[in-house]
Amino acid sequence: MKIHALFLILLLACLYPSLAQGTYENCCLSYVKKLKKSIQRRTKSYRIQEMDGGCNISAIVFRLRKSRTFCGDPKQQWVKDLMKNIRHETVSY
């Protein structure tokens, strides 16, 4: 009985790290190069994606209406400007 319990504990100990690393995040894999002004005006919010965990690039994830998203390079000026506009609009209301 002790051998079965030890085997079970050992099996669970081996499986736990693989389950923890197997989680999938909603990550950006590439950037949008340019964006039309009409789409920029429909952008409602953004979040910052760090280069940790399962995500392998830093990005700004913008959200449009109906939960559509696109990703921008945080180093690009248009991305910084759009983030600033969204912050300004959120504070204004």
PDB file of N, CA and C in Angstrom:
ATOM      1  N   MET A   1       0.819  -1.198   0.000  1.00  0.00           N
ATOM      2  CA  MET A   1       0.000   0.000   0.000  1.00  0.00           C
ATOM      3  C   MET A   1       0.860   1.259   0.000  1.00  0.00           C
ATOM      4  N   LYS A   2       1.958   1.226   0.757  1.00  0.00           N
ATOM      5  CA  LYS A   2       2.842   2.380   0.822  1.00  0.00           C
ATOM      6  C   LYS A   2       3.498   2.647  -0.529  1.00  0.00           C
ATOM      7  N   ILE A   3       3.784   1.589  -1.255  1.00  0.00           N
ATOM      8  CA  ILE A   3       4.413   1.755  -2.566  1.00  0.00           C
ATOM      9  C   ILE A   3       3.439   2.412  -3.539  1.00  0.00           C
ATOM     10  N   HIS A   4       2.161   2.049  -3.463  1.00  0.00           N
ATOM     11  CA  HIS A   4       1.147   2.658  -4.334  1.00  0.00           C
ATOM     12  C   HIS A   4       0.974   4.140  -4.011  1.00  0.00           C
ATOM     13  N   ALA A   5       0.952   4.491  -2.757  1.00  0.00           N
ATOM     14  CA  ALA A   5       0.814   5.891  -2.357  1.00  0.00           C
ATOM     15  C   ALA A   5       2.027   6.694  -2.788  1.00  0.00           C
ATOM     16  N   LEU A   6       3.212   6.128  -2.614  1.00  0.00           N
ATOM     17  CA  LEU A   6       4.439   6.804  -3.034  1.00  0.00           C
ATOM     18  C   LEU A   6       4.458   7.005  -4.551  1.00  0.00           C
ATOM     19  N   PHE A   7       4.039   5.996  -5.288  1.00  0.00           N
ATOM     20  CA  PHE A   7       3.976   6.091  -6.747  1.00  0.00           C
ATOM     21  C   PHE A   7       2.990   7.184  -7.185  1.00  0.00           C
ATOM     22  N   LEU A   8       1.839   7.246  -6.521  1.00  0.00           N
ATOM     23  CA  LEU A   8       0.843   8.255  -6.849  1.00  0.00           C
ATOM     24  C   LEU A   8       1.369   9.660  -6.568  1.00  0.00           C
ATOM     25  N   ILE A   9       2.024   9.847  -5.443  1.00  0.00           N
ATOM     26  CA  ILE A   9       2.586  11.160  -5.101  1.00  0.00           C
ATOM     27  C   ILE A   9       3.668  11.543  -6.107  1.00  0.00           C
ATOM     28  N   LEU A  10       4.504  10.604  -6.463  1.00  0.00           N
ATOM     29  CA  LEU A  10       5.558  10.868  -7.442  1.00  0.00           C
ATOM     30  C   LEU A  10       4.970  11.217  -8.807  1.00  0.00           C
ATOM     31  N   LEU A  11       3.943  10.526  -9.210  1.00  0.00           N
ATOM     32  CA  LEU A  11       3.273  10.806 -10.484  1.00  0.00           C
ATOM     33  C   LEU A  11       2.651  12.200 -10.483  1.00  0.00           C
ATOM     34  N   LEU A  12       1.966  12.563  -9.411  1.00  0.00           N
ATOM     35  CA  LEU A  12       1.354  13.897  -9.310  1.00  0.00           C
ATOM     36  C   LEU A  12       2.413  14.984  -9.283  1.00  0.00           C
ATOM     37  N   ALA A  13       3.525  14.739  -8.625  1.00  0.00           N
ATOM     38  CA  ALA A  13       4.609  15.720  -8.578  1.00  0.00           C
ATOM     39  C   ALA A  13       5.201  15.950  -9.967  1.00  0.00           C
ATOM     40  N   CYS A  14       5.257  14.911 -10.776  1.00  0.00           N
ATOM     41  CA  CYS A  14       5.780  15.059 -12.138  1.00  0.00           C
ATOM     42  C   CYS A  14       4.792  15.758 -13.061  1.00  0.00           C
ATOM     43  N   LEU A  15       3.513  15.526 -12.862  1.00  0.00           N
ATOM     44  CA  LEU A  15       2.493  16.117 -13.728  1.00  0.00           C
ATOM     45  C   LEU A  15       2.229  17.585 -13.418  1.00  0.00           C
ATOM     46  N   TYR A  16       2.362  17.999 -12.176  1.00  0.00           N
ATOM     47  CA  TYR A  16       2.001  19.365 -11.788  1.00  0.00           C
ATOM     48  C   TYR A  16       2.777  20.432 -12.563  1.00  0.00           C
ATOM     49  N   PRO A  17       4.115  20.371 -12.661  1.00  0.00           N
ATOM     50  CA  PRO A  17       4.816  21.413 -13.435  1.00  0.00           C
ATOM     51  C   PRO A  17       4.424  21.437 -14.901  1.00  0.00           C
ATOM     52  N   SER A  18       4.170  20.295 -15.489  1.00  0.00           N
ATOM     53  CA  SER A  18       3.793  20.288 -16.900  1.00  0.00           C
ATOM     54  C   SER A  18       2.407  20.889 -17.099  1.00  0.00           C
ATOM     55  N   LEU A  19       1.506  20.721 -16.148  1.00  0.00           N
ATOM     56  CA  LEU A  19       0.188  21.343 -16.251  1.00  0.00           C
ATOM     57  C   LEU A  19       0.284  22.847 -16.072  1.00  0.00           C
ATOM     58  N   ALA A  20       1.137  23.296 -15.168  1.00  0.00           N
ATOM     59  CA  ALA A  20       1.281  24.731 -14.922  1.00  0.00           C
ATOM     60  C   ALA A  20       1.875  25.436 -16.135  1.00  0.00           C
ATOM     61  N   GLN A  21       2.801  24.795 -16.834  1.00  0.00           N
ATOM     62  CA  GLN A  21       3.412  25.409 -17.999  1.00  0.00           C
ATOM     63  C   GLN A  21       2.548  25.264 -19.241  1.00  0.00           C
ATOM     64  N   GLY A  22       1.562  24.417 -19.211  1.00  0.00           N
ATOM     65  CA  GLY A  22       0.740  24.167 -20.376  1.00  0.00           C
ATOM     66  C   GLY A  22      -0.412  25.139 -20.537  1.00  0.00           C
ATOM     67  N   THR A  23      -0.511  26.142 -19.678  1.00  0.00           N
ATOM     68  CA  THR A  23      -1.602  27.098 -19.807  1.00  0.00           C
ATOM     69  C   THR A  23      -1.328  28.009 -20.998  1.00  0.00           C
ATOM     70  N   TYR A  24      -2.364  28.335 -21.735  1.00  0.00           N
ATOM     71  CA  TYR A  24      -2.230  29.189 -22.901  1.00  0.00           C
ATOM     72  C   TYR A  24      -2.830  30.548 -22.593  1.00  0.00           C
ATOM     73  N   GLU A  25      -2.058  31.576 -22.907  1.00  0.00           N
ATOM     74  CA  GLU A  25      -2.528  32.935 -22.709  1.00  0.00           C
ATOM     75  C   GLU A  25      -2.969  33.501 -24.054  1.00  0.00           C
ATOM     76  N   ASN A  26      -3.718  34.562 -23.999  1.00  0.00           N
ATOM     77  CA  ASN A  26      -4.138  35.243 -25.209  1.00  0.00           C
ATOM     78  C   ASN A  26      -3.047  36.252 -25.558  1.00  0.00           C
ATOM     79  N   CYS A  27      -2.070  35.820 -26.318  1.00  0.00           N
ATOM     80  CA  CYS A  27      -0.883  36.623 -26.609  1.00  0.00           C
ATOM     81  C   CYS A  27      -0.860  37.100 -28.051  1.00  0.00           C
ATOM     82  N   CYS A  28      -0.251  38.256 -28.237  1.00  0.00           N
ATOM     83  CA  CYS A  28       0.028  38.753 -29.586  1.00  0.00           C
ATOM     84  C   CYS A  28       1.247  38.028 -30.122  1.00  0.00           C
ATOM     85  N   LEU A  29       1.187  37.659 -31.374  1.00  0.00           N
ATOM     86  CA  LEU A  29       2.320  37.007 -32.011  1.00  0.00           C
ATOM     87  C   LEU A  29       3.005  37.917 -33.030  1.00  0.00           C
ATOM     88  N   SER A  30       2.296  38.982 -33.441  1.00  0.00           N
ATOM     89  CA  SER A  30       2.865  39.934 -34.390  1.00  0.00           C
ATOM     90  C   SER A  30       2.175  41.284 -34.200  1.00  0.00           C
ATOM     91  N   TYR A  31       2.732  42.296 -34.863  1.00  0.00           N
ATOM     92  CA  TYR A  31       2.217  43.661 -34.742  1.00  0.00           C
ATOM     93  C   TYR A  31       1.488  44.094 -36.007  1.00  0.00           C
ATOM     94  N   VAL A  32       0.560  45.026 -35.837  1.00  0.00           N
ATOM     95  CA  VAL A  32      -0.052  45.725 -36.964  1.00  0.00           C
ATOM     96  C   VAL A  32       0.921  46.849 -37.333  1.00  0.00           C
ATOM     97  N   LYS A  33       1.232  46.972 -38.614  1.00  0.00           N
ATOM     98  CA  LYS A  33       2.197  47.997 -39.052  1.00  0.00           C
ATOM     99  C   LYS A  33       1.589  49.392 -39.048  1.00  0.00           C
ATOM    100  N   LYS A  34       0.427  49.537 -39.672  1.00  0.00           N
ATOM    101  CA  LYS A  34      -0.274  50.820 -39.748  1.00  0.00           C
ATOM    102  C   LYS A  34      -1.741  50.571 -39.503  1.00  0.00           C
ATOM    103  N   LEU A  35      -2.440  51.643 -39.144  1.00  0.00           N
ATOM    104  CA  LEU A  35      -3.858  51.509 -38.851  1.00  0.00           C
ATOM    105  C   LEU A  35      -4.585  52.742 -39.367  1.00  0.00           C
ATOM    106  N   LYS A  36      -5.707  52.513 -40.033  1.00  0.00           N
ATOM    107  CA  LYS A  36      -6.497  53.627 -40.553  1.00  0.00           C
ATOM    108  C   LYS A  36      -7.035  54.460 -39.398  1.00  0.00           C
ATOM    109  N   LYS A  37      -7.216  55.741 -39.655  1.00  0.00           N
ATOM    110  CA  LYS A  37      -7.755  56.656 -38.638  1.00  0.00           C
ATOM    111  C   LYS A  37      -9.150  56.238 -38.195  1.00  0.00           C
ATOM    112  N   SER A  38      -9.948  55.700 -39.111  1.00  0.00           N
ATOM    113  CA  SER A  38     -11.308  55.287 -38.749  1.00  0.00           C
ATOM    114  C   SER A  38     -11.287  54.153 -37.727  1.00  0.00           C
ATOM    115  N   ILE A  39     -10.337  53.254 -37.852  1.00  0.00           N
ATOM    116  CA  ILE A  39     -10.225  52.162 -36.882  1.00  0.00           C
ATOM    117  C   ILE A  39      -9.661  52.687 -35.570  1.00  0.00           C
ATOM    118  N   GLN A  40      -8.726  53.620 -35.642  1.00  0.00           N
ATOM    119  CA  GLN A  40      -8.179  54.211 -34.421  1.00  0.00           C
ATOM    120  C   GLN A  40      -9.272  54.891 -33.608  1.00  0.00           C
ATOM    121  N   ARG A  41     -10.216  55.533 -34.281  1.00  0.00           N
ATOM    122  CA  ARG A  41     -11.302  56.214 -33.565  1.00  0.00           C
ATOM    123  C   ARG A  41     -12.252  55.230 -32.890  1.00  0.00           C
ATOM    124  N   ARG A  42     -12.340  54.006 -33.406  1.00  0.00           N
ATOM    125  CA  ARG A  42     -13.226  52.996 -32.817  1.00  0.00           C
ATOM    126  C   ARG A  42     -12.562  52.196 -31.703  1.00  0.00           C
ATOM    127  N   THR A  43     -11.290  52.468 -31.445  1.00  0.00           N
ATOM    128  CA  THR A  43     -10.563  51.753 -30.405  1.00  0.00           C
ATOM    129  C   THR A  43     -11.020  52.244 -29.036  1.00  0.00           C
ATOM    130  N   LYS A  44     -11.424  51.319 -28.186  1.00  0.00           N
ATOM    131  CA  LYS A  44     -12.025  51.677 -26.893  1.00  0.00           C
ATOM    132  C   LYS A  44     -11.075  51.557 -25.714  1.00  0.00           C
ATOM    133  N   SER A  45     -10.182  50.582 -25.733  1.00  0.00           N
ATOM    134  CA  SER A  45      -9.293  50.382 -24.593  1.00  0.00           C
ATOM    135  C   SER A  45      -8.045  49.639 -25.043  1.00  0.00           C
ATOM    136  N   TYR A  46      -7.118  49.505 -24.123  1.00  0.00           N
ATOM    137  CA  TYR A  46      -5.902  48.751 -24.412  1.00  0.00           C
ATOM    138  C   TYR A  46      -5.381  48.114 -23.133  1.00  0.00           C
ATOM    139  N   ARG A  47      -4.527  47.118 -23.321  1.00  0.00           N
ATOM    140  CA  ARG A  47      -3.805  46.523 -22.200  1.00  0.00           C
ATOM    141  C   ARG A  47      -2.366  46.296 -22.646  1.00  0.00           C
ATOM    142  N   ILE A  48      -1.486  46.201 -21.682  1.00  0.00           N
ATOM    143  CA  ILE A  48      -0.074  46.019 -21.980  1.00  0.00           C
ATOM    144  C   ILE A  48       0.275  44.545 -21.832  1.00  0.00           C
ATOM    145  N   GLN A  49       0.885  43.997 -22.863  1.00  0.00           N
ATOM    146  CA  GLN A  49       1.350  42.604 -22.828  1.00  0.00           C
ATOM    147  C   GLN A  49       2.847  42.629 -22.573  1.00  0.00           C
ATOM    148  N   GLU A  50       3.258  42.055 -21.470  1.00  0.00           N
ATOM    149  CA  GLU A  50       4.674  41.983 -21.136  1.00  0.00           C
ATOM    150  C   GLU A  50       5.288  40.729 -21.749  1.00  0.00           C
ATOM    151  N   MET A  51       6.598  40.717 -21.818  1.00  0.00           N
ATOM    152  CA  MET A  51       7.303  39.593 -22.401  1.00  0.00           C
ATOM    153  C   MET A  51       7.662  38.580 -21.309  1.00  0.00           C
ATOM    154  N   ASP A  52       6.647  38.058 -20.646  1.00  0.00           N
ATOM    155  CA  ASP A  52       6.870  37.068 -19.604  1.00  0.00           C
ATOM    156  C   ASP A  52       5.811  35.981 -19.722  1.00  0.00           C
ATOM    157  N   GLY A  53       5.984  34.931 -19.007  1.00  0.00           N
ATOM    158  CA  GLY A  53       5.014  33.843 -19.085  1.00  0.00           C
ATOM    159  C   GLY A  53       5.018  33.212 -20.469  1.00  0.00           C
ATOM    160  N   GLY A  54       3.835  33.066 -21.047  1.00  0.00           N
ATOM    161  CA  GLY A  54       3.720  32.426 -22.348  1.00  0.00           C
ATOM    162  C   GLY A  54       3.855  33.374 -23.518  1.00  0.00           C
ATOM    163  N   CYS A  55       3.933  34.665 -23.277  1.00  0.00           N
ATOM    164  CA  CYS A  55       4.002  35.652 -24.359  1.00  0.00           C
ATOM    165  C   CYS A  55       5.458  35.985 -24.660  1.00  0.00           C
ATOM    166  N   ASN A  56       5.840  35.926 -25.938  1.00  0.00           N
ATOM    167  CA  ASN A  56       7.243  36.125 -26.261  1.00  0.00           C
ATOM    168  C   ASN A  56       7.558  37.468 -26.914  1.00  0.00           C
ATOM    169  N   ILE A  57       6.584  38.389 -27.006  1.00  0.00           N
ATOM    170  CA  ILE A  57       6.866  39.749 -27.468  1.00  0.00           C
ATOM    171  C   ILE A  57       6.125  40.737 -26.568  1.00  0.00           C
ATOM    172  N   SER A  58       6.722  41.911 -26.394  1.00  0.00           N
ATOM    173  CA  SER A  58       6.032  42.995 -25.706  1.00  0.00           C
ATOM    174  C   SER A  58       5.104  43.654 -26.709  1.00  0.00           C
ATOM    175  N   ALA A  59       3.892  43.957 -26.287  1.00  0.00           N
ATOM    176  CA  ALA A  59       2.927  44.548 -27.217  1.00  0.00           C
ATOM    177  C   ALA A  59       1.875  45.328 -26.448  1.00  0.00           C
ATOM    178  N   ILE A  60       1.176  46.184 -27.171  1.00  0.00           N
ATOM    179  CA  ILE A  60      -0.003  46.856 -26.659  1.00  0.00           C
ATOM    180  C   ILE A  60      -1.186  46.233 -27.391  1.00  0.00           C
ATOM    181  N   VAL A  61      -2.103  45.665 -26.640  1.00  0.00           N
ATOM    182  CA  VAL A  61      -3.264  44.996 -27.218  1.00  0.00           C
ATOM    183  C   VAL A  61      -4.440  45.964 -27.134  1.00  0.00           C
ATOM    184  N   PHE A  62      -4.884  46.434 -28.280  1.00  0.00           N
ATOM    185  CA  PHE A  62      -6.000  47.368 -28.351  1.00  0.00           C
ATOM    186  C   PHE A  62      -7.292  46.592 -28.564  1.00  0.00           C
ATOM    187  N   ARG A  63      -8.367  47.099 -27.958  1.00  0.00           N
ATOM    188  CA  ARG A  63      -9.669  46.444 -28.095  1.00  0.00           C
ATOM    189  C   ARG A  63     -10.634  47.392 -28.787  1.00  0.00           C
ATOM    190  N   LEU A  64     -11.296  46.870 -29.815  1.00  0.00           N
ATOM    191  CA  LEU A  64     -12.348  47.605 -30.523  1.00  0.00           C
ATOM    192  C   LEU A  64     -13.695  47.177 -29.967  1.00  0.00           C
ATOM    193  N   ARG A  65     -14.757  47.747 -30.524  1.00  0.00           N
ATOM    194  CA  ARG A  65     -16.097  47.268 -30.188  1.00  0.00           C
ATOM    195  C   ARG A  65     -16.222  45.807 -30.574  1.00  0.00           C
ATOM    196  N   LYS A  66     -17.140  45.127 -29.970  1.00  0.00           N
ATOM    197  CA  LYS A  66     -17.399  43.706 -30.225  1.00  0.00           C
ATOM    198  C   LYS A  66     -16.182  42.836 -29.910  1.00  0.00           C
ATOM    199  N   SER A  67     -15.333  43.304 -28.994  1.00  0.00           N
ATOM    200  CA  SER A  67     -14.186  42.552 -28.469  1.00  0.00           C
ATOM    201  C   SER A  67     -13.144  42.164 -29.516  1.00  0.00           C
ATOM    202  N   ARG A  68     -13.103  42.813 -30.623  1.00  0.00           N
ATOM    203  CA  ARG A  68     -12.035  42.565 -31.583  1.00  0.00           C
ATOM    204  C   ARG A  68     -10.768  43.232 -31.088  1.00  0.00           C
ATOM    205  N   THR A  69      -9.634  42.601 -31.337  1.00  0.00           N
ATOM    206  CA  THR A  69      -8.368  43.139 -30.852  1.00  0.00           C
ATOM    207  C   THR A  69      -7.336  43.195 -31.968  1.00  0.00           C
ATOM    208  N   PHE A  70      -6.349  44.053 -31.770  1.00  0.00           N
ATOM    209  CA  PHE A  70      -5.176  44.099 -32.629  1.00  0.00           C
ATOM    210  C   PHE A  70      -3.998  44.524 -31.768  1.00  0.00           C
ATOM    211  N   CYS A  71      -2.808  44.237 -32.233  1.00  0.00           N
ATOM    212  CA  CYS A  71      -1.610  44.448 -31.431  1.00  0.00           C
ATOM    213  C   CYS A  71      -0.691  45.464 -32.082  1.00  0.00           C
ATOM    214  N   GLY A  72      -0.126  46.317 -31.259  1.00  0.00           N
ATOM    215  CA  GLY A  72       0.801  47.325 -31.742  1.00  0.00           C
ATOM    216  C   GLY A  72       2.147  47.235 -31.042  1.00  0.00           C
ATOM    217  N   ASP A  73       3.183  47.665 -31.742  1.00  0.00           N
ATOM    218  CA  ASP A  73       4.527  47.697 -31.192  1.00  0.00           C
ATOM    219  C   ASP A  73       4.634  48.893 -30.244  1.00  0.00           C
ATOM    220  N   PRO A  74       4.951  48.674 -28.964  1.00  0.00           N
ATOM    221  CA  PRO A  74       5.001  49.784 -28.019  1.00  0.00           C
ATOM    222  C   PRO A  74       6.063  50.826 -28.346  1.00  0.00           C
ATOM    223  N   LYS A  75       6.983  50.527 -29.247  1.00  0.00           N
ATOM    224  CA  LYS A  75       8.030  51.482 -29.622  1.00  0.00           C
ATOM    225  C   LYS A  75       7.577  52.428 -30.733  1.00  0.00           C
ATOM    226  N   GLN A  76       6.507  52.089 -31.437  1.00  0.00           N
ATOM    227  CA  GLN A  76       6.016  52.901 -32.544  1.00  0.00           C
ATOM    228  C   GLN A  76       5.283  54.141 -32.032  1.00  0.00           C
ATOM    229  N   GLN A  77       5.472  55.259 -32.717  1.00  0.00           N
ATOM    230  CA  GLN A  77       4.865  56.517 -32.279  1.00  0.00           C
ATOM    231  C   GLN A  77       3.343  56.487 -32.381  1.00  0.00           C
ATOM    232  N   TRP A  78       2.792  55.868 -33.440  1.00  0.00           N
ATOM    233  CA  TRP A  78       1.330  55.841 -33.578  1.00  0.00           C
ATOM    234  C   TRP A  78       0.684  55.065 -32.438  1.00  0.00           C
ATOM    235  N   VAL A  79       1.385  54.054 -31.914  1.00  0.00           N
ATOM    236  CA  VAL A  79       0.861  53.274 -30.791  1.00  0.00           C
ATOM    237  C   VAL A  79       0.838  54.145 -29.531  1.00  0.00           C
ATOM    238  N   LYS A  80       1.922  54.883 -29.306  1.00  0.00           N
ATOM    239  CA  LYS A  80       1.983  55.776 -28.140  1.00  0.00           C
ATOM    240  C   LYS A  80       0.898  56.852 -28.219  1.00  0.00           C
ATOM    241  N   ASP A  81       0.709  57.405 -29.411  1.00  0.00           N
ATOM    242  CA  ASP A  81      -0.319  58.442 -29.595  1.00  0.00           C
ATOM    243  C   ASP A  81      -1.723  57.884 -29.349  1.00  0.00           C
ATOM    244  N   LEU A  82      -1.985  56.679 -29.853  1.00  0.00           N
ATOM    245  CA  LEU A  82      -3.304  56.074 -29.655  1.00  0.00           C
ATOM    246  C   LEU A  82      -3.552  55.773 -28.181  1.00  0.00           C
ATOM    247  N   MET A  83      -2.546  55.309 -27.484  1.00  0.00           N
ATOM    248  CA  MET A  83      -2.689  55.063 -26.042  1.00  0.00           C
ATOM    249  C   MET A  83      -3.011  56.365 -25.310  1.00  0.00           C
ATOM    250  N   LYS A  84      -2.326  57.417 -25.695  1.00  0.00           N
ATOM    251  CA  LYS A  84      -2.549  58.728 -25.072  1.00  0.00           C
ATOM    252  C   LYS A  84      -3.973  59.218 -25.336  1.00  0.00           C
ATOM    253  N   ASN A  85      -4.459  59.043 -26.568  1.00  0.00           N
ATOM    254  CA  ASN A  85      -5.825  59.452 -26.912  1.00  0.00           C
ATOM    255  C   ASN A  85      -6.862  58.665 -26.125  1.00  0.00           C
ATOM    256  N   ILE A  86      -6.644  57.374 -25.975  1.00  0.00           N
ATOM    257  CA  ILE A  86      -7.586  56.540 -25.221  1.00  0.00           C
ATOM    258  C   ILE A  86      -7.608  56.964 -23.756  1.00  0.00           C
ATOM    259  N   ARG A  87      -6.433  57.215 -23.188  1.00  0.00           N
ATOM    260  CA  ARG A  87      -6.373  57.677 -21.783  1.00  0.00           C
ATOM    261  C   ARG A  87      -7.091  59.006 -21.625  1.00  0.00           C
ATOM    262  N   HIS A  88      -6.901  59.895 -22.580  1.00  0.00           N
ATOM    263  CA  HIS A  88      -7.532  61.216 -22.517  1.00  0.00           C
ATOM    264  C   HIS A  88      -9.044  61.106 -22.614  1.00  0.00           C
ATOM    265  N   GLU A  89      -9.547  60.252 -23.500  1.00  0.00           N
ATOM    266  CA  GLU A  89     -10.989  60.070 -23.658  1.00  0.00           C
ATOM    267  C   GLU A  89     -11.614  59.429 -22.423  1.00  0.00           C
ATOM    268  N   THR A  90     -10.890  58.513 -21.802  1.00  0.00           N
ATOM    269  CA  THR A  90     -11.448  57.841 -20.622  1.00  0.00           C
ATOM    270  C   THR A  90     -11.531  58.798 -19.446  1.00  0.00           C
ATOM    271  N   VAL A  91     -10.557  59.673 -19.331  1.00  0.00           N
ATOM    272  CA  VAL A  91     -10.557  60.631 -18.230  1.00  0.00           C
ATOM    273  C   VAL A  91     -11.596  61.722 -18.471  1.00  0.00           C
ATOM    274  N   SER A  92     -11.836  62.067 -19.726  1.00  0.00           N
ATOM    275  CA  SER A  92     -12.763  63.155 -20.046  1.00  0.00           C
ATOM    276  C   SER A  92     -14.198  62.834 -19.668  1.00  0.00           C
ATOM    277  N   TYR A  93     -14.569  61.568 -19.721  1.00  0.00           N
ATOM    278  CA  TYR A  93     -15.962  61.204 -19.467  1.00  0.00           C
ATOM    279  C   TYR A  93     -16.189  60.977 -18.050  1.00  0.00           C
TER     280      TYR A  93
END
